[in-house]
């Protein structure tokens, strides 16, 4: 089960970059398109990509490999 969720939408080049960073880190994650949920649109429409841990902590863009690695280390179960 994924401990992290990437909030994104299609056609978002920053979201694609975030997806690539997560994939390169070999961390299982679930991807959720915010366009499928009105509440997610309201929360994240100007913030995506956003990575959320299972503890509810969030990493907002911009982030790089170093920031992502620290976020993952701080939020692993």
PDB file of N, CA and C in Angstrom:
ATOM      1  N   UNK A   1       0.841  -1.187   0.000  1.00  0.00           N
ATOM      2  CA  UNK A   1       0.000   0.000   0.000  1.00  0.00           C
ATOM      3  C   UNK A   1       0.883   1.247   0.000  1.00  0.00           C
ATOM      4  N   UNK A   2       0.495   2.224  -0.770  1.00  0.00           N
ATOM      5  CA  UNK A   2       1.274   3.454  -0.887  1.00  0.00           C
ATOM      6  C   UNK A   2       1.126   4.306   0.366  1.00  0.00           C
ATOM      7  N   UNK A   3       2.251   4.831   0.820  1.00  0.00           N
ATOM      8  CA  UNK A   3       2.238   5.735   1.962  1.00  0.00           C
ATOM      9  C   UNK A   3       2.173   7.191   1.521  1.00  0.00           C
ATOM     10  N   UNK A   4       2.249   7.414   0.212  1.00  0.00           N
ATOM     11  CA  UNK A   4       2.273   8.766  -0.317  1.00  0.00           C
ATOM     12  C   UNK A   4       1.274   8.898  -1.457  1.00  0.00           C
ATOM     13  N   UNK A   5       0.703  10.093  -1.576  1.00  0.00           N
ATOM     14  CA  UNK A   5      -0.234  10.399  -2.654  1.00  0.00           C
ATOM     15  C   UNK A   5       0.266  11.632  -3.377  1.00  0.00           C
ATOM     16  N   UNK A   6       0.271  11.561  -4.701  1.00  0.00           N
ATOM     17  CA  UNK A   6       0.606  12.711  -5.537  1.00  0.00           C
ATOM     18  C   UNK A   6      -0.692  13.263  -6.107  1.00  0.00           C
ATOM     19  N   UNK A   7      -1.013  14.496  -5.742  1.00  0.00           N
ATOM     20  CA  UNK A   7      -2.169  15.178  -6.320  1.00  0.00           C
ATOM     21  C   UNK A   7      -1.696  15.896  -7.573  1.00  0.00           C
ATOM     22  N   UNK A   8      -2.406  15.660  -8.675  1.00  0.00           N
ATOM     23  CA  UNK A   8      -1.978  16.155  -9.982  1.00  0.00           C
ATOM     24  C   UNK A   8      -3.199  16.365 -10.863  1.00  0.00           C
ATOM     25  N   UNK A   9      -2.937  16.759 -12.096  1.00  0.00           N
ATOM     26  CA  UNK A   9      -3.953  16.731 -13.140  1.00  0.00           C
ATOM     27  C   UNK A   9      -3.256  16.541 -14.476  1.00  0.00           C
ATOM     28  N   UNK A  10      -3.986  16.050 -15.452  1.00  0.00           N
ATOM     29  CA  UNK A  10      -3.421  15.839 -16.782  1.00  0.00           C
ATOM     30  C   UNK A  10      -3.026  17.171 -17.407  1.00  0.00           C
ATOM     31  N   UNK A  11      -1.944  17.158 -18.154  1.00  0.00           N
ATOM     32  CA  UNK A  11      -1.499  18.352 -18.852  1.00  0.00           C
ATOM     33  C   UNK A  11      -0.691  19.305 -17.990  1.00  0.00           C
ATOM     34  N   UNK A  12      -0.368  18.905 -16.788  1.00  0.00           N
ATOM     35  CA  UNK A  12       0.403  19.737 -15.856  1.00  0.00           C
ATOM     36  C   UNK A  12       1.862  19.282 -15.924  1.00  0.00           C
ATOM     37  N   UNK A  13       2.719  20.091 -16.553  1.00  0.00           N
ATOM     38  CA  UNK A  13       4.115  19.670 -16.713  1.00  0.00           C
ATOM     39  C   UNK A  13       4.847  19.601 -15.377  1.00  0.00           C
ATOM     40  N   UNK A  14       4.470  20.429 -14.415  1.00  0.00           N
ATOM     41  CA  UNK A  14       5.084  20.351 -13.087  1.00  0.00           C
ATOM     42  C   UNK A  14       4.694  19.041 -12.396  1.00  0.00           C
ATOM     43  N   UNK A  15       3.463  18.611 -12.619  1.00  0.00           N
ATOM     44  CA  UNK A  15       2.996  17.344 -12.055  1.00  0.00           C
ATOM     45  C   UNK A  15       3.774  16.175 -12.653  1.00  0.00           C
ATOM     46  N   UNK A  16       4.062  16.256 -13.942  1.00  0.00           N
ATOM     47  CA  UNK A  16       4.858  15.216 -14.592  1.00  0.00           C
ATOM     48  C   UNK A  16       6.258  15.169 -13.997  1.00  0.00           C
ATOM     49  N   UNK A  17       6.830  16.337 -13.704  1.00  0.00           N
ATOM     50  CA  UNK A  17       8.152  16.391 -13.085  1.00  0.00           C
ATOM     51  C   UNK A  17       8.115  15.772 -11.688  1.00  0.00           C
ATOM     52  N   UNK A  18       7.078  16.075 -10.920  1.00  0.00           N
ATOM     53  CA  UNK A  18       6.939  15.510  -9.576  1.00  0.00           C
ATOM     54  C   UNK A  18       6.782  13.992  -9.643  1.00  0.00           C
ATOM     55  N   UNK A  19       6.007  13.512 -10.601  1.00  0.00           N
ATOM     56  CA  UNK A  19       5.823  12.076 -10.799  1.00  0.00           C
ATOM     57  C   UNK A  19       7.168  11.415 -11.085  1.00  0.00           C
ATOM     58  N   UNK A  20       7.972  12.039 -11.935  1.00  0.00           N
ATOM     59  CA  UNK A  20       9.291  11.497 -12.268  1.00  0.00           C
ATOM     60  C   UNK A  20      10.197  11.451 -11.041  1.00  0.00           C
ATOM     61  N   UNK A  21      10.154  12.490 -10.203  1.00  0.00           N
ATOM     62  CA  UNK A  21      10.968  12.507  -8.984  1.00  0.00           C
ATOM     63  C   UNK A  21      10.556  11.380  -8.033  1.00  0.00           C
ATOM     64  N   UNK A  22       9.256  11.192  -7.853  1.00  0.00           N
ATOM     65  CA  UNK A  22       8.771  10.117  -6.984  1.00  0.00           C
ATOM     66  C   UNK A  22       9.142   8.750  -7.543  1.00  0.00           C
ATOM     67  N   UNK A  23       8.987   8.572  -8.833  1.00  0.00           N
ATOM     68  CA  UNK A  23       9.329   7.296  -9.463  1.00  0.00           C
ATOM     69  C   UNK A  23      10.819   7.009  -9.322  1.00  0.00           C
ATOM     70  N   UNK A  24      11.645   8.026  -9.517  1.00  0.00           N
ATOM     71  CA  UNK A  24      13.098   7.867  -9.401  1.00  0.00           C
ATOM     72  C   UNK A  24      13.507   7.513  -7.976  1.00  0.00           C
ATOM     73  N   UNK A  25      12.719   7.938  -6.996  1.00  0.00           N
ATOM     74  CA  UNK A  25      13.011   7.640  -5.590  1.00  0.00           C
ATOM     75  C   UNK A  25      12.583   6.221  -5.207  1.00  0.00           C
ATOM     76  N   UNK A  26      11.945   5.504  -6.138  1.00  0.00           N
ATOM     77  CA  UNK A  26      11.477   4.131  -5.905  1.00  0.00           C
ATOM     78  C   UNK A  26      10.549   4.022  -4.699  1.00  0.00           C
ATOM     79  N   UNK A  27       9.708   5.022  -4.546  1.00  0.00           N
ATOM     80  CA  UNK A  27       8.736   5.037  -3.458  1.00  0.00           C
ATOM     81  C   UNK A  27       7.350   4.770  -4.044  1.00  0.00           C
ATOM     82  N   UNK A  28       6.635   3.754  -3.536  1.00  0.00           N
ATOM     83  CA  UNK A  28       5.278   3.531  -4.025  1.00  0.00           C
ATOM     84  C   UNK A  28       4.386   4.723  -3.667  1.00  0.00           C
ATOM     85  N   UNK A  29       3.608   5.152  -4.634  1.00  0.00           N
ATOM     86  CA  UNK A  29       2.689   6.259  -4.380  1.00  0.00           C
ATOM     87  C   UNK A  29       1.439   6.086  -5.216  1.00  0.00           C
ATOM     88  N   UNK A  30       0.371   6.664  -4.725  1.00  0.00           N
ATOM     89  CA  UNK A  30      -0.887   6.697  -5.465  1.00  0.00           C
ATOM     90  C   UNK A  30      -0.988   8.066  -6.119  1.00  0.00           C
ATOM     91  N   UNK A  31      -1.461   8.101  -7.341  1.00  0.00           N
ATOM     92  CA  UNK A  31      -1.661   9.370  -8.044  1.00  0.00           C
ATOM     93  C   UNK A  31      -3.156   9.655  -8.095  1.00  0.00           C
ATOM     94  N   UNK A  32      -3.536  10.855  -7.656  1.00  0.00           N
ATOM     95  CA  UNK A  32      -4.948  11.255  -7.683  1.00  0.00           C
ATOM     96  C   UNK A  32      -5.090  12.511  -8.520  1.00  0.00           C
ATOM     97  N   UNK A  33      -5.932  12.416  -9.539  1.00  0.00           N
ATOM     98  CA  UNK A  33      -6.226  13.568 -10.386  1.00  0.00           C
ATOM     99  C   UNK A  33      -7.248  14.436  -9.658  1.00  0.00           C
ATOM    100  N   UNK A  34      -6.883  15.674  -9.383  1.00  0.00           N
ATOM    101  CA  UNK A  34      -7.782  16.550  -8.625  1.00  0.00           C
ATOM    102  C   UNK A  34      -9.068  16.848  -9.383  1.00  0.00           C
ATOM    103  N   UNK A  35      -9.058  16.698 -10.703  1.00  0.00           N
ATOM    104  CA  UNK A  35     -10.246  17.001 -11.498  1.00  0.00           C
ATOM    105  C   UNK A  35     -11.377  15.999 -11.266  1.00  0.00           C
ATOM    106  N   UNK A  36     -11.071  14.900 -10.583  1.00  0.00           N
ATOM    107  CA  UNK A  36     -12.086  13.888 -10.288  1.00  0.00           C
ATOM    108  C   UNK A  36     -12.863  14.172  -9.008  1.00  0.00           C
ATOM    109  N   UNK A  37     -12.508  15.256  -8.307  1.00  0.00           N
ATOM    110  CA  UNK A  37     -13.115  15.516  -7.002  1.00  0.00           C
ATOM    111  C   UNK A  37     -13.178  17.023  -6.768  1.00  0.00           C
ATOM    112  N   UNK A  38     -14.370  17.542  -6.624  1.00  0.00           N
ATOM    113  CA  UNK A  38     -14.575  18.989  -6.459  1.00  0.00           C
ATOM    114  C   UNK A  38     -13.817  19.545  -5.252  1.00  0.00           C
ATOM    115  N   UNK A  39     -13.799  18.788  -4.164  1.00  0.00           N
ATOM    116  CA  UNK A  39     -13.090  19.245  -2.961  1.00  0.00           C
ATOM    117  C   UNK A  39     -11.582  19.340  -3.221  1.00  0.00           C
ATOM    118  N   UNK A  40     -11.039  18.375  -3.957  1.00  0.00           N
ATOM    119  CA  UNK A  40      -9.609  18.427  -4.280  1.00  0.00           C
ATOM    120  C   UNK A  40      -9.292  19.600  -5.198  1.00  0.00           C
ATOM    121  N   UNK A  41     -10.205  19.906  -6.110  1.00  0.00           N
ATOM    122  CA  UNK A  41     -10.010  21.072  -6.980  1.00  0.00           C
ATOM    123  C   UNK A  41      -9.908  22.328  -6.125  1.00  0.00           C
ATOM    124  N   UNK A  42     -10.836  22.480  -5.183  1.00  0.00           N
ATOM    125  CA  UNK A  42     -10.819  23.666  -4.316  1.00  0.00           C
ATOM    126  C   UNK A  42      -9.538  23.747  -3.494  1.00  0.00           C
ATOM    127  N   UNK A  43      -9.071  22.603  -3.012  1.00  0.00           N
ATOM    128  CA  UNK A  43      -7.875  22.582  -2.163  1.00  0.00           C
ATOM    129  C   UNK A  43      -6.582  22.833  -2.936  1.00  0.00           C
ATOM    130  N   UNK A  44      -6.476  22.260  -4.133  1.00  0.00           N
ATOM    131  CA  UNK A  44      -5.175  22.186  -4.794  1.00  0.00           C
ATOM    132  C   UNK A  44      -5.082  22.812  -6.180  1.00  0.00           C
ATOM    133  N   UNK A  45      -6.135  23.458  -6.668  1.00  0.00           N
ATOM    134  CA  UNK A  45      -6.112  23.916  -8.058  1.00  0.00           C
ATOM    135  C   UNK A  45      -4.948  24.842  -8.381  1.00  0.00           C
ATOM    136  N   UNK A  46      -4.476  25.618  -7.425  1.00  0.00           N
ATOM    137  CA  UNK A  46      -3.342  26.512  -7.685  1.00  0.00           C
ATOM    138  C   UNK A  46      -2.068  26.024  -7.005  1.00  0.00           C
ATOM    139  N   UNK A  47      -2.093  24.817  -6.445  1.00  0.00           N
ATOM    140  CA  UNK A  47      -0.953  24.316  -5.677  1.00  0.00           C
ATOM    141  C   UNK A  47      -0.290  23.079  -6.257  1.00  0.00           C
ATOM    142  N   UNK A  48      -0.964  22.369  -7.157  1.00  0.00           N
ATOM    143  CA  UNK A  48      -0.412  21.107  -7.636  1.00  0.00           C
ATOM    144  C   UNK A  48       0.894  21.343  -8.385  1.00  0.00           C
ATOM    145  N   UNK A  49       1.774  20.372  -8.298  1.00  0.00           N
ATOM    146  CA  UNK A  49       1.663  19.084  -7.631  1.00  0.00           C
ATOM    147  C   UNK A  49       1.893  19.185  -6.129  1.00  0.00           C
ATOM    148  N   UNK A  50       1.220  18.296  -5.418  1.00  0.00           N
ATOM    149  CA  UNK A  50       1.362  18.203  -3.966  1.00  0.00           C
ATOM    150  C   UNK A  50       1.526  16.726  -3.618  1.00  0.00           C
ATOM    151  N   UNK A  51       2.498  16.430  -2.765  1.00  0.00           N
ATOM    152  CA  UNK A  51       2.675  15.072  -2.252  1.00  0.00           C
ATOM    153  C   UNK A  51       2.179  15.067  -0.814  1.00  0.00           C
ATOM    154  N   UNK A  52       1.324  14.094  -0.491  1.00  0.00           N
ATOM    155  CA  UNK A  52       0.802  13.969   0.870  1.00  0.00           C
ATOM    156  C   UNK A  52       1.206  12.620   1.442  1.00  0.00           C
ATOM    157  N   UNK A  53       1.658  12.625   2.689  1.00  0.00           N
ATOM    158  CA  UNK A  53       2.003  11.376   3.370  1.00  0.00           C
ATOM    159  C   UNK A  53       0.749  10.782   4.003  1.00  0.00           C
ATOM    160  N   UNK A  54       0.845   9.525   4.405  1.00  0.00           N
ATOM    161  CA  UNK A  54      -0.296   8.887   5.064  1.00  0.00           C
ATOM    162  C   UNK A  54      -0.593   9.530   6.416  1.00  0.00           C
ATOM    163  N   UNK A  55       0.366  10.283   6.956  1.00  0.00           N
ATOM    164  CA  UNK A  55       0.137  11.015   8.202  1.00  0.00           C
ATOM    165  C   UNK A  55      -0.554  12.354   7.963  1.00  0.00           C
ATOM    166  N   UNK A  56      -0.732  12.723   6.697  1.00  0.00           N
ATOM    167  CA  UNK A  56      -1.405  13.974   6.368  1.00  0.00           C
ATOM    168  C   UNK A  56      -0.471  15.148   6.141  1.00  0.00           C
ATOM    169  N   UNK A  57       0.838  14.917   6.229  1.00  0.00           N
ATOM    170  CA  UNK A  57       1.801  15.988   5.946  1.00  0.00           C
ATOM    171  C   UNK A  57       1.889  16.206   4.445  1.00  0.00           C
ATOM    172  N   UNK A  58       2.117  17.447   4.047  1.00  0.00           N
ATOM    173  CA  UNK A  58       2.112  17.782   2.621  1.00  0.00           C
ATOM    174  C   UNK A  58       3.408  18.464   2.212  1.00  0.00           C
ATOM    175  N   UNK A  59       3.858  18.125   1.014  1.00  0.00           N
ATOM    176  CA  UNK A  59       5.013  18.761   0.386  1.00  0.00           C
ATOM    177  C   UNK A  59       4.498  19.443  -0.875  1.00  0.00           C
ATOM    178  N   UNK A  60       4.562  20.767  -0.876  1.00  0.00           N
ATOM    179  CA  UNK A  60       4.059  21.554  -2.000  1.00  0.00           C
ATOM    180  C   UNK A  60       5.190  21.880  -2.967  1.00  0.00           C
ATOM    181  N   UNK A  61       4.851  21.951  -4.240  1.00  0.00           N
ATOM    182  CA  UNK A  61       5.792  22.354  -5.269  1.00  0.00           C
ATOM    183  C   UNK A  61       6.153  23.804  -5.051  1.00  0.00           C
ATOM    184  N   UNK A  62       7.386  24.235  -5.262  1.00  0.00           N
ATOM    185  CA  UNK A  62       8.471  23.477  -5.879  1.00  0.00           C
ATOM    186  C   UNK A  62       9.254  22.653  -4.855  1.00  0.00           C
ATOM    187  N   UNK A  63       9.663  21.458  -5.289  1.00  0.00           N
ATOM    188  CA  UNK A  63      10.577  20.634  -4.498  1.00  0.00           C
ATOM    189  C   UNK A  63      11.504  19.906  -5.456  1.00  0.00           C
ATOM    190  N   UNK A  64      12.664  19.539  -4.926  1.00  0.00           N
ATOM    191  CA  UNK A  64      13.655  18.827  -5.726  1.00  0.00           C
ATOM    192  C   UNK A  64      13.923  17.471  -5.086  1.00  0.00           C
ATOM    193  N   UNK A  65      14.905  16.758  -5.616  1.00  0.00           N
ATOM    194  CA  UNK A  65      15.232  15.431  -5.116  1.00  0.00           C
ATOM    195  C   UNK A  65      15.594  15.455  -3.637  1.00  0.00           C
ATOM    196  N   UNK A  66      16.367  16.452  -3.226  1.00  0.00           N
ATOM    197  CA  UNK A  66      16.798  16.551  -1.827  1.00  0.00           C
ATOM    198  C   UNK A  66      15.603  16.792  -0.908  1.00  0.00           C
ATOM    199  N   UNK A  67      14.751  17.739  -1.261  1.00  0.00           N
ATOM    200  CA  UNK A  67      13.572  18.035  -0.439  1.00  0.00           C
ATOM    201  C   UNK A  67      12.626  16.838  -0.387  1.00  0.00           C
ATOM    202  N   UNK A  68      12.454  16.159  -1.515  1.00  0.00           N
ATOM    203  CA  UNK A  68      11.584  14.983  -1.550  1.00  0.00           C
ATOM    204  C   UNK A  68      12.155  13.868  -0.679  1.00  0.00           C
ATOM    205  N   UNK A  69      13.458  13.633  -0.766  1.00  0.00           N
ATOM    206  CA  UNK A  69      14.089  12.589   0.047  1.00  0.00           C
ATOM    207  C   UNK A  69      13.916  12.881   1.535  1.00  0.00           C
ATOM    208  N   UNK A  70      14.052  14.133   1.922  1.00  0.00           N
ATOM    209  CA  UNK A  70      13.875  14.504   3.329  1.00  0.00           C
ATOM    210  C   UNK A  70      12.424  14.301   3.761  1.00  0.00           C
ATOM    211  N   UNK A  71      11.483  14.696   2.899  1.00  0.00           N
ATOM    212  CA  UNK A  71      10.062  14.519   3.194  1.00  0.00           C
ATOM    213  C   UNK A  71       9.734  13.036   3.363  1.00  0.00           C
ATOM    214  N   UNK A  72      10.253  12.208   2.473  1.00  0.00           N
ATOM    215  CA  UNK A  72      10.009  10.766   2.544  1.00  0.00           C
ATOM    216  C   UNK A  72      10.593  10.199   3.836  1.00  0.00           C
ATOM    217  N   UNK A  73      11.825  10.576   4.159  1.00  0.00           N
ATOM    218  CA  UNK A  73      12.469  10.083   5.382  1.00  0.00           C
ATOM    219  C   UNK A  73      11.691  10.498   6.625  1.00  0.00           C
ATOM    220  N   UNK A  74      11.182  11.704   6.625  1.00  0.00           N
ATOM    221  CA  UNK A  74      10.440  12.218   7.778  1.00  0.00           C
ATOM    222  C   UNK A  74       9.050  11.597   7.915  1.00  0.00           C
ATOM    223  N   UNK A  75       8.545  10.995   6.832  1.00  0.00           N
ATOM    224  CA  UNK A  75       7.160  10.519   6.819  1.00  0.00           C
ATOM    225  C   UNK A  75       7.000   9.034   6.537  1.00  0.00           C
ATOM    226  N   UNK A  76       8.087   8.277   6.543  1.00  0.00           N
ATOM    227  CA  UNK A  76       7.963   6.831   6.349  1.00  0.00           C
ATOM    228  C   UNK A  76       7.339   6.205   7.582  1.00  0.00           C
ATOM    229  N   UNK A  77       6.500   5.204   7.335  1.00  0.00           N
ATOM    230  CA  UNK A  77       5.862   4.504   8.465  1.00  0.00           C
ATOM    231  C   UNK A  77       6.742   3.379   8.934  1.00  0.00           C
TER     232      UNK A  77
END
